[in-house]
Amino acid sequence: MNIDALSASIVDGLMIGFIYGLAAMGLTLIFGVMRVVNLAHGPVIAVGMFAVLLLAQNLGLNPYLGLVIVMLLGLATGIGMYFIAVHRVIDAPELTTLLATFSVNLMIIGIGTVLFSTSPRALDVSLGSVRTGAVTILGTKLVADLIAVIATVGLYYFLYRTRAGKSVRAVANNRAAAELMGINSTWILALSFGIGIALAMGSGSLLATLFSFTILSGTVYEVKSFVIVVLGGLGNPVGALLGGIVIGLLEGLATISPLPVGWVPVIEFGVFVIILLVRPTGLFGAR
């Protein structure tokens, strides 16, 4: 095996893994706090892609400045989505919340298809590249990874060092007890859902700087996010980042294996099933 090709594949896989982890982080945060599986996760990622594209094309905003605006819009959108689609069924059986978020999924895809069709779009971003030996790293990937790490550190700081973050953790642990302590669980749940959507839209914006996309592109990343969430441990945002790195590494290695590219999803779901059977709490989850 060519060592240079192996090194390049490992580095490329690791770097895309950081962005996969950021995408999964929003999904696992929502599940960890309110035990809701957000089936609108993929379309929300696609909305982030188109949002940063529209800001760049219509307002001339730098995509990385647009990313900040997209995440703020995602926070507001997520809070609104929670009150419209989730709040009234939060204590209903799991199937009800699944159907609620799946309905949002279909609505976003339907509206997005009408507005943008399913033609591929691309965001023209170039930040040069860095070459180390035989490995060439695109500047866009370096910046995307840096943003993903900053977002992870920021989320960790929010959850463990701020009053609102501690309230989120309290509600996740025991909502009834948190309410007895004076915490408004409704707004905490809405805030958590909003942050989860903001992270998903932010990851979509970063992915838009790397790949072409359509309104249906989010489905691919949603599937990867479910695998990553299980791998990293349900409700563990840091585990999601680590799980994303593992999946990215697997994809990178798959590109130089003799297997056809079409086998990559099979490998990922194979990992998904094995983790569920051997360690249901995930590689980085609590035992």
Protein backbone atom coordinates (compact mmCIF):
# COMPACT_ATOMS: atom_id res chain seq x y z
CA MET A 1 0.00 0.00 0.00
CA ASN A 2 1.29 3.46 -0.91
CA ILE A 3 2.24 5.24 2.34
CA ASP A 4 1.61 8.69 0.86
CA ALA A 5 -1.91 7.72 -0.25
CA LEU A 6 -2.58 6.18 3.16
CA SER A 7 -1.43 9.33 4.97
CA ALA A 8 -3.51 11.57 2.71
CA SER A 9 -6.62 9.41 3.21
CA ILE A 10 -6.21 9.35 6.99
CA VAL A 11 -5.75 13.12 7.22
CA ASP A 12 -8.65 13.82 4.87
CA GLY A 13 -10.91 11.42 6.78
CA LEU A 14 -9.99 12.89 10.15
CA MET A 15 -10.65 16.42 8.94
CA ILE A 16 -14.10 15.70 7.51
CA GLY A 17 -14.82 13.77 10.71
CA PHE A 18 -14.74 16.97 12.76
CA ILE A 19 -17.56 18.41 10.65
CA TYR A 20 -19.54 15.17 10.85
CA GLY A 21 -19.16 15.40 14.62
CA LEU A 22 -20.51 18.94 14.68
CA ALA A 23 -23.51 17.84 12.60
CA ALA A 24 -24.24 14.99 15.04
CA MET A 25 -23.75 17.18 18.09
CA GLY A 26 -27.06 18.97 17.59
CA LEU A 27 -28.89 15.66 17.24
CA THR A 28 -27.38 14.15 20.38
CA LEU A 29 -27.97 17.32 22.44
CA ILE A 30 -31.69 17.29 21.65
CA PHE A 31 -31.96 13.60 22.47
CA GLY A 32 -29.91 13.93 25.64
CA VAL A 33 -32.04 16.72 27.06
CA MET A 34 -35.56 15.74 26.01
CA ARG A 35 -35.33 12.16 24.68
CA VAL A 36 -36.61 13.28 21.28
CA VAL A 37 -35.19 11.81 18.08
CA ASN A 38 -35.22 14.73 15.66
CA LEU A 39 -36.08 13.34 12.23
CA ALA A 40 -35.95 16.89 10.80
CA HIS A 41 -32.19 16.94 11.41
CA GLY A 42 -31.18 16.28 7.80
CA PRO A 43 -33.40 18.91 6.16
CA VAL A 44 -32.25 21.44 8.77
CA ILE A 45 -28.63 20.78 7.72
CA ALA A 46 -29.70 21.44 4.12
CA VAL A 47 -31.39 24.69 5.19
CA GLY A 48 -28.07 25.78 6.68
CA MET A 49 -26.40 25.08 3.32
CA PHE A 50 -28.88 27.19 1.38
CA ALA A 51 -28.97 29.94 4.01
CA VAL A 52 -25.22 30.58 3.80
CA LEU A 53 -25.43 30.40 -0.01
CA LEU A 54 -28.21 33.01 -0.16
CA LEU A 55 -26.37 35.32 2.25
CA ALA A 56 -23.25 35.09 0.09
CA GLN A 57 -25.07 35.57 -3.23
CA ASN A 58 -27.61 38.23 -2.26
CA LEU A 59 -25.76 40.22 0.41
CA GLY A 60 -22.18 39.47 -0.55
CA LEU A 61 -21.38 38.19 2.95
CA ASN A 62 -18.27 36.13 3.54
CA PRO A 63 -19.50 32.56 4.17
CA TYR A 64 -17.81 32.43 7.58
CA LEU A 65 -19.48 35.66 8.64
CA GLY A 66 -22.70 34.27 7.20
CA LEU A 67 -22.19 31.19 9.37
CA VAL A 68 -22.66 33.29 12.52
CA ILE A 69 -25.93 34.72 11.16
CA VAL A 70 -27.09 31.25 10.09
CA MET A 71 -26.50 29.84 13.57
CA LEU A 72 -28.39 32.72 15.18
CA LEU A 73 -31.26 32.12 12.75
CA GLY A 74 -31.01 28.43 13.59
CA LEU A 75 -31.34 29.18 17.30
CA ALA A 76 -34.50 31.24 16.71
CA THR A 77 -35.86 28.68 14.24
CA GLY A 78 -35.25 25.82 16.64
CA ILE A 79 -37.04 27.57 19.49
CA GLY A 80 -40.00 28.25 17.22
CA MET A 81 -39.95 24.67 15.92
CA TYR A 82 -39.99 23.36 19.48
CA PHE A 83 -43.12 25.30 20.45
CA ILE A 84 -44.92 24.53 17.18
CA ALA A 85 -44.08 20.86 16.67
CA VAL A 86 -42.65 19.36 19.85
CA HIS A 87 -43.86 21.09 23.01
CA ARG A 88 -47.38 19.67 23.01
CA VAL A 89 -46.18 16.11 22.48
CA ILE A 90 -43.01 16.19 24.59
CA ASP A 91 -44.52 13.83 27.18
CA ALA A 92 -46.35 11.67 24.65
CA PRO A 93 -45.08 8.23 23.55
CA GLU A 94 -41.85 8.28 21.51
CA LEU A 95 -43.69 7.48 18.28
CA THR A 96 -45.63 10.74 18.58
CA THR A 97 -42.51 12.89 18.75
CA LEU A 98 -41.01 10.92 15.87
CA LEU A 99 -44.08 11.66 13.75
CA ALA A 100 -44.00 15.33 14.77
CA THR A 101 -40.39 15.85 13.70
CA PHE A 102 -40.89 13.68 10.61
CA SER A 103 -43.73 15.99 9.59
CA VAL A 104 -41.36 18.94 9.87
CA ASN A 105 -38.87 16.95 7.79
CA LEU A 106 -41.38 16.52 4.96
CA MET A 107 -42.48 20.17 5.12
CA ILE A 108 -38.92 21.50 4.85
CA ILE A 109 -38.08 19.19 1.94
CA GLY A 110 -41.34 20.06 0.17
CA ILE A 111 -40.92 23.83 0.54
CA GLY A 112 -37.22 23.62 -0.28
CA THR A 113 -37.87 21.63 -3.44
CA VAL A 114 -40.40 24.23 -4.62
CA LEU A 115 -38.03 27.13 -3.89
CA PHE A 116 -34.69 25.66 -4.96
CA SER A 117 -35.57 22.54 -7.02
CA THR A 118 -33.19 19.59 -6.65
CA SER A 119 -30.46 21.00 -8.88
CA PRO A 120 -26.99 20.96 -7.31
CA ARG A 121 -25.68 24.25 -5.95
CA ALA A 122 -22.14 25.19 -4.92
CA LEU A 123 -20.56 27.92 -2.84
CA ASP A 124 -17.37 29.31 -4.34
CA VAL A 125 -14.87 29.51 -1.47
CA SER A 126 -11.12 29.29 -1.82
CA LEU A 127 -8.60 29.67 1.00
CA GLY A 128 -5.66 28.02 -0.68
CA SER A 129 -4.01 24.92 0.72
CA VAL A 130 -1.27 23.74 3.02
CA ARG A 131 1.14 21.03 1.92
CA THR A 132 3.00 18.81 4.38
CA GLY A 133 5.06 16.18 2.64
CA ALA A 134 2.71 14.22 0.39
CA VAL A 135 -0.40 15.51 2.16
CA THR A 136 -2.25 18.56 0.86
CA ILE A 137 -4.86 20.10 3.13
CA LEU A 138 -7.42 22.56 1.78
CA GLY A 139 -7.69 25.81 3.71
CA THR A 140 -11.47 25.48 3.75
CA LYS A 141 -11.17 22.19 5.61
CA LEU A 142 -8.73 23.65 8.11
CA VAL A 143 -11.05 26.55 8.86
CA ALA A 144 -14.10 24.27 9.05
CA ASP A 145 -12.32 21.99 11.53
CA LEU A 146 -11.21 24.94 13.63
CA ILE A 147 -14.80 26.22 13.78
CA ALA A 148 -16.05 22.73 14.69
CA VAL A 149 -13.58 22.53 17.59
CA ILE A 150 -14.47 26.04 18.77
CA ALA A 151 -18.17 25.15 18.66
CA THR A 152 -17.52 22.00 20.70
CA VAL A 153 -15.51 23.89 23.32
CA GLY A 154 -18.17 26.60 23.40
CA LEU A 155 -20.95 24.07 23.93
CA TYR A 156 -18.97 22.34 26.68
CA TYR A 157 -18.34 25.68 28.40
CA PHE A 158 -22.02 26.59 28.09
CA LEU A 159 -23.21 23.29 29.58
CA TYR A 160 -20.73 23.13 32.47
CA ARG A 161 -19.80 26.73 33.27
CA THR A 162 -22.94 28.84 32.81
CA ARG A 163 -26.13 29.05 34.80
CA ALA A 164 -28.31 28.34 31.77
CA GLY A 165 -26.14 25.36 30.84
CA LYS A 166 -26.39 23.92 34.33
CA SER A 167 -30.16 24.31 34.07
CA VAL A 168 -30.08 22.36 30.81
CA ARG A 169 -28.20 19.54 32.50
CA ALA A 170 -30.56 19.61 35.47
CA VAL A 171 -33.62 19.31 33.22
CA ALA A 172 -31.92 16.49 31.29
CA ASN A 173 -31.23 14.59 34.52
CA ASN A 174 -34.62 15.09 36.20
CA ARG A 175 -37.13 17.54 34.82
CA ALA A 176 -39.53 17.31 37.75
CA ALA A 177 -36.80 17.96 40.30
CA ALA A 178 -35.47 20.86 38.22
CA GLU A 179 -38.92 22.46 38.18
CA LEU A 180 -39.12 22.13 41.96
CA MET A 181 -35.87 24.10 42.12
CA GLY A 182 -37.48 26.95 40.18
CA ILE A 183 -36.15 26.14 36.70
CA ASN A 184 -38.55 26.90 33.86
CA SER A 185 -38.23 23.58 32.07
CA THR A 186 -40.31 24.70 29.07
CA TRP A 187 -37.90 27.44 28.12
CA ILE A 188 -34.87 25.28 28.88
CA LEU A 189 -36.20 22.58 26.56
CA ALA A 190 -36.89 25.20 23.89
CA LEU A 191 -33.38 26.63 24.31
CA SER A 192 -31.85 23.15 24.03
CA PHE A 193 -33.82 22.41 20.88
CA GLY A 194 -32.77 25.79 19.47
CA ILE A 195 -29.09 25.12 20.16
CA GLY A 196 -29.39 21.69 18.54
CA ILE A 197 -30.90 23.22 15.40
CA ALA A 198 -28.27 25.99 15.39
CA LEU A 199 -25.48 23.40 15.47
CA ALA A 200 -27.11 21.44 12.64
CA MET A 201 -27.51 24.54 10.46
CA GLY A 202 -23.97 25.62 11.29
CA SER A 203 -22.59 22.26 10.18
CA GLY A 204 -24.61 22.60 6.98
CA SER A 205 -23.01 25.98 6.33
CA LEU A 206 -19.53 24.48 6.76
CA LEU A 207 -20.34 21.52 4.53
CA ALA A 208 -21.53 23.97 1.87
CA THR A 209 -18.00 25.45 1.73
CA LEU A 210 -16.62 21.99 0.88
CA PHE A 211 -19.15 20.16 -1.31
CA SER A 212 -21.93 20.83 -3.79
CA PHE A 213 -25.41 20.25 -2.38
CA THR A 214 -29.16 20.06 -2.99
CA ILE A 215 -32.15 20.34 -0.68
CA LEU A 216 -31.95 16.55 -0.31
CA SER A 217 -28.28 16.49 0.71
CA GLY A 218 -29.08 16.70 4.40
CA THR A 219 -30.49 13.17 4.37
CA VAL A 220 -27.01 11.70 3.83
CA TYR A 221 -25.60 13.61 6.80
CA GLU A 222 -28.63 12.75 8.93
CA VAL A 223 -27.95 9.06 8.45
CA LYS A 224 -24.27 9.57 9.32
CA SER A 225 -25.33 11.58 12.37
CA PHE A 226 -27.42 8.71 13.73
CA VAL A 227 -24.44 6.36 13.38
CA ILE A 228 -22.16 8.90 15.07
CA VAL A 229 -24.61 9.54 17.92
CA VAL A 230 -24.78 5.83 18.72
CA LEU A 231 -21.01 5.50 18.36
CA GLY A 232 -20.28 8.48 20.60
CA GLY A 233 -22.93 7.74 23.21
CA LEU A 234 -26.49 9.03 23.21
CA GLY A 235 -26.70 12.50 24.74
CA ASN A 236 -22.91 13.02 24.77
CA PRO A 237 -21.93 16.09 22.66
CA VAL A 238 -18.17 15.54 23.06
CA GLY A 239 -18.67 11.86 22.23
CA ALA A 240 -20.43 12.99 19.04
CA LEU A 241 -17.31 14.86 17.95
CA LEU A 242 -15.14 11.83 18.67
CA GLY A 243 -17.63 9.56 16.92
CA GLY A 244 -17.55 11.86 13.91
CA ILE A 245 -13.77 11.58 13.78
CA VAL A 246 -14.01 7.78 13.85
CA ILE A 247 -16.55 7.73 11.00
CA GLY A 248 -14.48 10.22 9.00
CA LEU A 249 -11.43 8.04 9.48
CA LEU A 250 -13.34 4.96 8.30
CA GLU A 251 -14.45 6.84 5.18
CA GLY A 252 -10.93 8.03 4.52
CA LEU A 253 -9.51 4.52 4.74
CA ALA A 254 -12.35 3.16 2.59
CA THR A 255 -11.24 5.37 -0.32
CA ILE A 256 -7.96 3.45 -0.64
CA SER A 257 -9.40 -0.01 0.03
CA PRO A 258 -10.21 -2.40 -2.83
CA LEU A 259 -13.90 -2.14 -1.98
CA PRO A 260 -16.15 0.01 -4.23
CA VAL A 261 -17.21 3.38 -2.83
CA GLY A 262 -20.78 2.08 -2.57
CA TRP A 263 -19.68 -0.15 0.30
CA VAL A 264 -18.90 2.82 2.57
CA PRO A 265 -22.49 3.13 3.91
CA VAL A 266 -22.53 -0.65 4.44
CA ILE A 267 -19.38 -0.39 6.57
CA GLU A 268 -20.82 2.50 8.55
CA PHE A 269 -24.06 0.68 9.29
CA GLY A 270 -22.09 -2.43 10.12
CA VAL A 271 -20.29 -0.40 12.78
CA PHE A 272 -23.68 0.96 13.89
CA VAL A 273 -25.10 -2.54 14.41
CA ILE A 274 -21.99 -3.86 16.14
CA ILE A 275 -21.94 -0.96 18.61
CA LEU A 276 -25.64 -1.47 19.38
CA LEU A 277 -25.02 -5.16 20.08
CA VAL A 278 -21.74 -4.91 21.97
CA ARG A 279 -21.94 -1.56 23.73
CA PRO A 280 -25.36 0.15 23.44
CA THR A 281 -24.15 3.18 25.40
CA GLY A 282 -21.57 3.89 22.69
CA LEU A 283 -17.79 3.84 22.71
CA PHE A 284 -17.61 7.13 24.60
CA GLY A 285 -20.82 6.85 26.63
CA ALA A 286 -21.11 5.95 30.30
CA ARG A 287 -21.36 2.28 31.15
